[in-house]
Amino acid sequence: MEHTIWVFIHVMLLVYWLGGDLGVFLLAKAAKRPDLSFAERAFALKMAVQIDLIPRLCFTLMFPVGLQLSASGGFAAIPNWALTLAWVASAAWIALLLAIGRAEGTPRAQTLNRLHLAWQALLLLGLGTLGVFALLGHGPLPGGWYGLKIVLFALIFAMGIGIDIAFRPIAPAFMRLATEGSQPDIEQSITTAVDGAIRYVLGLYALLIVIAFIGITKLVF
């Protein structure tokens, strides 16, 4: 019964992650449309930022829930201290995301965003290393499909870093748009930021689909 509950939670996180991200994707594309009024574009961007919190929260919870699922299903021997550490790290990550949201538009937000990027980079390196070691038959985690899932999950952090960096110019561009109106260089900055972020978003979608397929089928390509 415990394993079934963790499977359900895992599936729901994936649903809200992909569903929420799709909303952000469509709103971001609307924000770059010069045929819309500034108020409409600003509203689309604001809603995209607010909705983006949902998939980000799902992302933070996916790893500890995945470990609980692994332990309850017997896929990997996960010690209790590792489960506790994963939940504590997830709680700290959620607190950081909420702090970034509260500090939006202030100098403090820039510092928190840099901390968030550093945190994602750390997890990318840490989980990526664990996954590669598992595929090579080393370390505490099993290899095969499980090790491959860990490697692919680590790559999602790379997509997240790419999205955050690509989207950085959007705020100053919209500030100029509010005061100067539509200008070719401003529109180009907005388009470049949105299109750059979308490329990483599509990569994230692909990774999630492959990870879900491997998790269900237990196949290794």
C-alpha atoms as a PDB file:
ATOM      1  CA  MET A   1       0.000   0.000   0.000  1.00  0.00           C
ATOM      2  CA  GLU A   2       2.823   2.394   0.871  1.00  0.00           C
ATOM      3  CA  HIS A   3       4.461   1.836  -2.509  1.00  0.00           C
ATOM      4  CA  THR A   4       1.174   2.480  -4.331  1.00  0.00           C
ATOM      5  CA  ILE A   5       0.765   5.799  -2.530  1.00  0.00           C
ATOM      6  CA  TRP A   6       4.263   6.915  -3.510  1.00  0.00           C
ATOM      7  CA  VAL A   7       3.573   5.889  -7.125  1.00  0.00           C
ATOM      8  CA  PHE A   8       0.415   8.022  -7.089  1.00  0.00           C
ATOM      9  CA  ILE A   9       2.276  11.033  -5.654  1.00  0.00           C
ATOM     10  CA  HIS A  10       5.056  10.575  -8.200  1.00  0.00           C
ATOM     11  CA  VAL A  11       2.564  10.519 -11.086  1.00  0.00           C
ATOM     12  CA  MET A  12       0.710  13.581  -9.789  1.00  0.00           C
ATOM     13  CA  LEU A  13       3.954  15.541  -9.520  1.00  0.00           C
ATOM     14  CA  LEU A  14       4.754  14.683 -13.142  1.00  0.00           C
ATOM     15  CA  VAL A  15       1.249  15.733 -14.257  1.00  0.00           C
ATOM     16  CA  TYR A  16       1.375  19.107 -12.525  1.00  0.00           C
ATOM     17  CA  TRP A  17       4.991  19.646 -13.595  1.00  0.00           C
ATOM     18  CA  LEU A  18       4.246  19.149 -17.288  1.00  0.00           C
ATOM     19  CA  GLY A  19       0.809  20.789 -17.140  1.00  0.00           C
ATOM     20  CA  GLY A  20       2.053  23.871 -15.331  1.00  0.00           C
ATOM     21  CA  ASP A  21       5.067  24.166 -17.626  1.00  0.00           C
ATOM     22  CA  LEU A  22       2.813  24.070 -20.679  1.00  0.00           C
ATOM     23  CA  GLY A  23       0.893  27.065 -19.327  1.00  0.00           C
ATOM     24  CA  VAL A  24       4.141  28.948 -18.764  1.00  0.00           C
ATOM     25  CA  PHE A  25       5.264  28.016 -22.280  1.00  0.00           C
ATOM     26  CA  LEU A  26       2.120  29.469 -23.917  1.00  0.00           C
ATOM     27  CA  LEU A  27       2.092  32.624 -21.772  1.00  0.00           C
ATOM     28  CA  ALA A  28       5.763  33.304 -22.499  1.00  0.00           C
ATOM     29  CA  LYS A  29       5.075  33.062 -26.226  1.00  0.00           C
ATOM     30  CA  ALA A  30       2.209  35.555 -25.800  1.00  0.00           C
ATOM     31  CA  ALA A  31       4.497  37.960 -23.928  1.00  0.00           C
ATOM     32  CA  LYS A  32       6.762  38.327 -26.955  1.00  0.00           C
ATOM     33  CA  ARG A  33       3.945  39.232 -29.370  1.00  0.00           C
ATOM     34  CA  PRO A  34       4.316  42.892 -30.461  1.00  0.00           C
ATOM     35  CA  ASP A  35       0.732  42.937 -31.795  1.00  0.00           C
ATOM     36  CA  LEU A  36      -0.584  42.782 -28.214  1.00  0.00           C
ATOM     37  CA  SER A  37      -0.807  45.825 -25.964  1.00  0.00           C
ATOM     38  CA  PHE A  38       1.809  46.345 -23.273  1.00  0.00           C
ATOM     39  CA  ALA A  39      -0.799  45.617 -20.583  1.00  0.00           C
ATOM     40  CA  GLU A  40      -1.666  42.288 -22.213  1.00  0.00           C
ATOM     41  CA  ARG A  41       1.969  41.298 -22.623  1.00  0.00           C
ATOM     42  CA  ALA A  42       2.859  42.342 -19.087  1.00  0.00           C
ATOM     43  CA  PHE A  43      -0.088  40.363 -17.721  1.00  0.00           C
ATOM     44  CA  ALA A  44       0.960  37.282 -19.718  1.00  0.00           C
ATOM     45  CA  LEU A  45       4.513  37.575 -18.359  1.00  0.00           C
ATOM     46  CA  LYS A  46       3.297  38.077 -14.792  1.00  0.00           C
ATOM     47  CA  MET A  47       1.025  35.026 -14.993  1.00  0.00           C
ATOM     48  CA  ALA A  48       3.854  32.962 -16.521  1.00  0.00           C
ATOM     49  CA  VAL A  49       6.118  33.821 -13.590  1.00  0.00           C
ATOM     50  CA  GLN A  50       3.404  33.008 -11.045  1.00  0.00           C
ATOM     51  CA  ILE A  51       2.366  29.723 -12.668  1.00  0.00           C
ATOM     52  CA  ASP A  52       6.028  28.733 -13.038  1.00  0.00           C
ATOM     53  CA  LEU A  53       6.167  28.248  -9.279  1.00  0.00           C
ATOM     54  CA  ILE A  54       3.999  25.112  -9.595  1.00  0.00           C
ATOM     55  CA  PRO A  55       6.338  23.095 -11.865  1.00  0.00           C
ATOM     56  CA  ARG A  56       9.322  24.339  -9.875  1.00  0.00           C
ATOM     57  CA  LEU A  57       7.774  23.029  -6.657  1.00  0.00           C
ATOM     58  CA  CYS A  58       7.022  19.719  -8.365  1.00  0.00           C
ATOM     59  CA  PHE A  59      10.667  19.588  -9.443  1.00  0.00           C
ATOM     60  CA  THR A  60      11.900  20.099  -5.890  1.00  0.00           C
ATOM     61  CA  LEU A  61       9.656  17.320  -4.573  1.00  0.00           C
ATOM     62  CA  MET A  62      10.345  14.823  -7.347  1.00  0.00           C
ATOM     63  CA  PHE A  63      13.721  13.642  -6.034  1.00  0.00           C
ATOM     64  CA  PRO A  64      12.738  12.851  -2.420  1.00  0.00           C
ATOM     65  CA  VAL A  65       9.495  11.277  -3.635  1.00  0.00           C
ATOM     66  CA  GLY A  66      11.498   9.265  -6.168  1.00  0.00           C
ATOM     67  CA  LEU A  67      13.788   8.018  -3.420  1.00  0.00           C
ATOM     68  CA  GLN A  68      10.799   7.040  -1.287  1.00  0.00           C
ATOM     69  CA  LEU A  69       9.366   5.213  -4.298  1.00  0.00           C
ATOM     70  CA  SER A  70      12.683   3.429  -4.848  1.00  0.00           C
ATOM     71  CA  ALA A  71      12.866   2.352  -1.219  1.00  0.00           C
ATOM     72  CA  SER A  72       9.250   1.192  -0.971  1.00  0.00           C
ATOM     73  CA  GLY A  73       9.465  -0.685  -4.290  1.00  0.00           C
ATOM     74  CA  GLY A  74      12.784  -2.331  -3.492  1.00  0.00           C
ATOM     75  CA  PHE A  75      14.487  -0.787  -6.549  1.00  0.00           C
ATOM     76  CA  ALA A  76      17.369   0.553  -4.472  1.00  0.00           C
ATOM     77  CA  ALA A  77      18.592   0.278  -0.891  1.00  0.00           C
ATOM     78  CA  ILE A  78      18.061   3.823   0.368  1.00  0.00           C
ATOM     79  CA  PRO A  79      19.092   4.361   4.023  1.00  0.00           C
ATOM     80  CA  ASN A  80      16.827   6.408   6.269  1.00  0.00           C
ATOM     81  CA  TRP A  81      19.439   9.149   6.659  1.00  0.00           C
ATOM     82  CA  ALA A  82      19.505   9.626   2.873  1.00  0.00           C
ATOM     83  CA  LEU A  83      15.712   9.914   2.760  1.00  0.00           C
ATOM     84  CA  THR A  84      15.773  12.451   5.588  1.00  0.00           C
ATOM     85  CA  LEU A  85      18.538  14.450   3.895  1.00  0.00           C
ATOM     86  CA  ALA A  86      16.599  14.494   0.614  1.00  0.00           C
ATOM     87  CA  TRP A  87      13.467  15.854   2.321  1.00  0.00           C
ATOM     88  CA  VAL A  88      15.447  18.488   4.246  1.00  0.00           C
ATOM     89  CA  ALA A  89      17.181  19.611   1.034  1.00  0.00           C
ATOM     90  CA  SER A  90      13.825  19.749  -0.749  1.00  0.00           C
ATOM     91  CA  ALA A  91      12.310  21.853   2.051  1.00  0.00           C
ATOM     92  CA  ALA A  92      15.270  24.256   1.909  1.00  0.00           C
ATOM     93  CA  TRP A  93      14.905  24.492  -1.859  1.00  0.00           C
ATOM     94  CA  ILE A  94      11.190  25.306  -1.558  1.00  0.00           C
ATOM     95  CA  ALA A  95      11.990  27.992   1.008  1.00  0.00           C
ATOM     96  CA  LEU A  96      14.516  29.485  -1.432  1.00  0.00           C
ATOM     97  CA  LEU A  97      11.963  29.542  -4.266  1.00  0.00           C
ATOM     98  CA  LEU A  98       9.382  31.242  -2.051  1.00  0.00           C
ATOM     99  CA  ALA A  99      11.974  33.784  -0.925  1.00  0.00           C
ATOM    100  CA  ILE A 100      12.802  34.559  -4.562  1.00  0.00           C
ATOM    101  CA  GLY A 101       9.113  35.098  -5.274  1.00  0.00           C
ATOM    102  CA  ARG A 102       8.697  37.463  -2.320  1.00  0.00           C
ATOM    103  CA  ALA A 103      11.813  39.425  -3.280  1.00  0.00           C
ATOM    104  CA  GLU A 104      10.870  39.775  -6.948  1.00  0.00           C
ATOM    105  CA  GLY A 105      11.923  43.125  -8.389  1.00  0.00           C
ATOM    106  CA  THR A 106      14.373  43.908  -5.577  1.00  0.00           C
ATOM    107  CA  PRO A 107      18.203  43.704  -5.448  1.00  0.00           C
ATOM    108  CA  ARG A 108      17.854  40.831  -2.969  1.00  0.00           C
ATOM    109  CA  ALA A 109      16.160  38.764  -5.688  1.00  0.00           C
ATOM    110  CA  GLN A 110      19.341  38.897  -7.778  1.00  0.00           C
ATOM    111  CA  THR A 111      21.379  37.468  -4.913  1.00  0.00           C
ATOM    112  CA  LEU A 112      18.805  34.734  -4.294  1.00  0.00           C
ATOM    113  CA  ASN A 113      18.688  33.880  -7.999  1.00  0.00           C
ATOM    114  CA  ARG A 114      22.466  33.485  -8.073  1.00  0.00           C
ATOM    115  CA  LEU A 115      22.197  31.188  -5.051  1.00  0.00           C
ATOM    116  CA  HIS A 116      19.505  29.211  -6.854  1.00  0.00           C
ATOM    117  CA  LEU A 117      21.703  28.795  -9.925  1.00  0.00           C
ATOM    118  CA  ALA A 118      24.606  27.630  -7.750  1.00  0.00           C
ATOM    119  CA  TRP A 119      22.312  25.142  -6.000  1.00  0.00           C
ATOM    120  CA  GLN A 120      21.105  23.712  -9.311  1.00  0.00           C
ATOM    121  CA  ALA A 121      24.694  23.436 -10.554  1.00  0.00           C
ATOM    122  CA  LEU A 122      25.663  21.574  -7.378  1.00  0.00           C
ATOM    123  CA  LEU A 123      22.792  19.114  -7.812  1.00  0.00           C
ATOM    124  CA  LEU A 124      23.617  18.679 -11.495  1.00  0.00           C
ATOM    125  CA  LEU A 125      27.186  17.687 -10.640  1.00  0.00           C
ATOM    126  CA  GLY A 126      26.256  15.598  -7.595  1.00  0.00           C
ATOM    127  CA  LEU A 127      23.415  13.589  -9.114  1.00  0.00           C
ATOM    128  CA  GLY A 128      25.157  13.354 -12.464  1.00  0.00           C
ATOM    129  CA  THR A 129      28.211  11.843 -10.782  1.00  0.00           C
ATOM    130  CA  LEU A 130      26.073   9.361  -8.819  1.00  0.00           C
ATOM    131  CA  GLY A 131      24.247   8.350 -11.980  1.00  0.00           C
ATOM    132  CA  VAL A 132      27.412   7.854 -14.037  1.00  0.00           C
ATOM    133  CA  PHE A 133      29.014   5.837 -11.243  1.00  0.00           C
ATOM    134  CA  ALA A 134      25.864   3.693 -11.061  1.00  0.00           C
ATOM    135  CA  LEU A 135      25.970   3.017 -14.804  1.00  0.00           C
ATOM    136  CA  LEU A 136      29.621   1.996 -14.435  1.00  0.00           C
ATOM    137  CA  GLY A 137      28.719  -0.387 -11.617  1.00  0.00           C
ATOM    138  CA  HIS A 138      30.107   1.729  -8.792  1.00  0.00           C
ATOM    139  CA  GLY A 139      28.627   3.690  -5.914  1.00  0.00           C
ATOM    140  CA  PRO A 140      25.580   3.080  -3.730  1.00  0.00           C
ATOM    141  CA  LEU A 141      22.916   3.114  -6.473  1.00  0.00           C
ATOM    142  CA  PRO A 142      22.048   0.327  -8.923  1.00  0.00           C
ATOM    143  CA  GLY A 143      22.948   0.700 -12.583  1.00  0.00           C
ATOM    144  CA  GLY A 144      20.916  -0.234 -15.640  1.00  0.00           C
ATOM    145  CA  TRP A 145      17.644   1.643 -16.077  1.00  0.00           C
ATOM    146  CA  TYR A 146      17.907   3.126 -12.579  1.00  0.00           C
ATOM    147  CA  GLY A 147      21.323   4.644 -13.139  1.00  0.00           C
ATOM    148  CA  LEU A 148      20.206   6.003 -16.499  1.00  0.00           C
ATOM    149  CA  LYS A 149      17.192   7.683 -14.868  1.00  0.00           C
ATOM    150  CA  ILE A 150      19.481   9.406 -12.371  1.00  0.00           C
ATOM    151  CA  VAL A 151      21.737  10.704 -15.162  1.00  0.00           C
ATOM    152  CA  LEU A 152      18.776  12.009 -17.174  1.00  0.00           C
ATOM    153  CA  PHE A 153      17.217  13.569 -14.080  1.00  0.00           C
ATOM    154  CA  ALA A 154      20.499  15.367 -13.407  1.00  0.00           C
ATOM    155  CA  LEU A 155      20.351  16.807 -16.923  1.00  0.00           C
ATOM    156  CA  ILE A 156      17.052  18.470 -16.037  1.00  0.00           C
ATOM    157  CA  PHE A 157      19.059  20.754 -13.752  1.00  0.00           C
ATOM    158  CA  ALA A 158      21.095  21.783 -16.795  1.00  0.00           C
ATOM    159  CA  MET A 159      17.844  22.629 -18.596  1.00  0.00           C
ATOM    160  CA  GLY A 160      16.681  24.636 -15.578  1.00  0.00           C
ATOM    161  CA  ILE A 161      19.941  26.593 -15.474  1.00  0.00           C
ATOM    162  CA  GLY A 162      19.650  27.255 -19.202  1.00  0.00           C
ATOM    163  CA  ILE A 163      16.072  28.511 -18.843  1.00  0.00           C
ATOM    164  CA  ASP A 164      16.973  30.875 -16.004  1.00  0.00           C
ATOM    165  CA  ILE A 165      19.994  32.320 -17.806  1.00  0.00           C
ATOM    166  CA  ALA A 166      18.227  32.670 -21.166  1.00  0.00           C
ATOM    167  CA  PHE A 167      15.253  34.426 -19.538  1.00  0.00           C
ATOM    168  CA  ARG A 168      17.341  36.982 -17.634  1.00  0.00           C
ATOM    169  CA  PRO A 169      17.083  39.805 -20.242  1.00  0.00           C
ATOM    170  CA  ILE A 170      13.265  39.725 -20.178  1.00  0.00           C
ATOM    171  CA  ALA A 171      12.819  41.918 -17.064  1.00  0.00           C
ATOM    172  CA  PRO A 172      15.006  44.852 -18.184  1.00  0.00           C
ATOM    173  CA  ALA A 173      13.540  44.598 -21.692  1.00  0.00           C
ATOM    174  CA  PHE A 174       9.999  44.906 -20.336  1.00  0.00           C
ATOM    175  CA  MET A 175      11.030  47.849 -18.170  1.00  0.00           C
ATOM    176  CA  ARG A 176      12.224  49.615 -21.323  1.00  0.00           C
ATOM    177  CA  LEU A 177       9.075  48.563 -23.156  1.00  0.00           C
ATOM    178  CA  ALA A 178       6.961  50.206 -20.460  1.00  0.00           C
ATOM    179  CA  THR A 179       8.731  53.555 -20.791  1.00  0.00           C
ATOM    180  CA  GLU A 180       9.908  53.659 -24.419  1.00  0.00           C
ATOM    181  CA  GLY A 181       7.251  51.632 -26.161  1.00  0.00           C
ATOM    182  CA  SER A 182       7.922  49.018 -28.814  1.00  0.00           C
ATOM    183  CA  GLN A 183      11.362  49.426 -30.399  1.00  0.00           C
ATOM    184  CA  PRO A 184      13.144  46.957 -32.712  1.00  0.00           C
ATOM    185  CA  ASP A 185      16.026  46.345 -30.285  1.00  0.00           C
ATOM    186  CA  ILE A 186      13.638  45.881 -27.356  1.00  0.00           C
ATOM    187  CA  GLU A 187      11.492  43.426 -29.298  1.00  0.00           C
ATOM    188  CA  GLN A 188      14.616  41.572 -30.357  1.00  0.00           C
ATOM    189  CA  SER A 189      15.756  41.263 -26.739  1.00  0.00           C
ATOM    190  CA  ILE A 190      12.362  39.897 -25.690  1.00  0.00           C
ATOM    191  CA  THR A 191      12.187  37.467 -28.606  1.00  0.00           C
ATOM    192  CA  THR A 192      15.740  36.234 -28.016  1.00  0.00           C
ATOM    193  CA  ALA A 193      15.070  35.673 -24.310  1.00  0.00           C
ATOM    194  CA  VAL A 194      11.789  33.825 -24.848  1.00  0.00           C
ATOM    195  CA  ASP A 195      13.018  31.722 -27.780  1.00  0.00           C
ATOM    196  CA  GLY A 196      16.228  30.882 -25.934  1.00  0.00           C
ATOM    197  CA  ALA A 197      14.295  29.723 -22.874  1.00  0.00           C
ATOM    198  CA  ILE A 198      11.864  27.727 -25.023  1.00  0.00           C
ATOM    199  CA  ARG A 199      14.708  25.658 -26.472  1.00  0.00           C
ATOM    200  CA  TYR A 200      15.652  24.524 -22.988  1.00  0.00           C
ATOM    201  CA  VAL A 201      12.001  23.961 -22.078  1.00  0.00           C
ATOM    202  CA  LEU A 202      11.604  21.607 -25.041  1.00  0.00           C
ATOM    203  CA  GLY A 203      14.731  19.777 -23.900  1.00  0.00           C
ATOM    204  CA  LEU A 204      13.199  19.458 -20.434  1.00  0.00           C
ATOM    205  CA  TYR A 205       9.982  18.023 -21.915  1.00  0.00           C
ATOM    206  CA  ALA A 206      11.991  15.455 -23.868  1.00  0.00           C
ATOM    207  CA  LEU A 207      13.922  14.418 -20.765  1.00  0.00           C
ATOM    208  CA  LEU A 208      10.754  14.028 -18.695  1.00  0.00           C
ATOM    209  CA  ILE A 209       9.115  11.864 -21.369  1.00  0.00           C
ATOM    210  CA  VAL A 210      12.159   9.595 -21.656  1.00  0.00           C
ATOM    211  CA  ILE A 211      12.542   9.366 -17.864  1.00  0.00           C
ATOM    212  CA  ALA A 212       8.864   8.438 -17.469  1.00  0.00           C
ATOM    213  CA  PHE A 213       9.183   5.788 -20.205  1.00  0.00           C
ATOM    214  CA  ILE A 214      12.267   4.245 -18.593  1.00  0.00           C
ATOM    215  CA  GLY A 215      10.645   4.307 -15.152  1.00  0.00           C
ATOM    216  CA  ILE A 216       7.569   2.465 -16.414  1.00  0.00           C
ATOM    217  CA  THR A 217       9.205  -0.019 -18.776  1.00  0.00           C
ATOM    218  CA  LYS A 218      12.516  -0.470 -16.915  1.00  0.00           C
ATOM    219  CA  LEU A 219      14.212  -0.504 -20.322  1.00  0.00           C
ATOM    220  CA  VAL A 220      17.659   0.850 -21.188  1.00  0.00           C
ATOM    221  CA  PHE A 221      18.189   2.068 -24.740  1.00  0.00           C
END
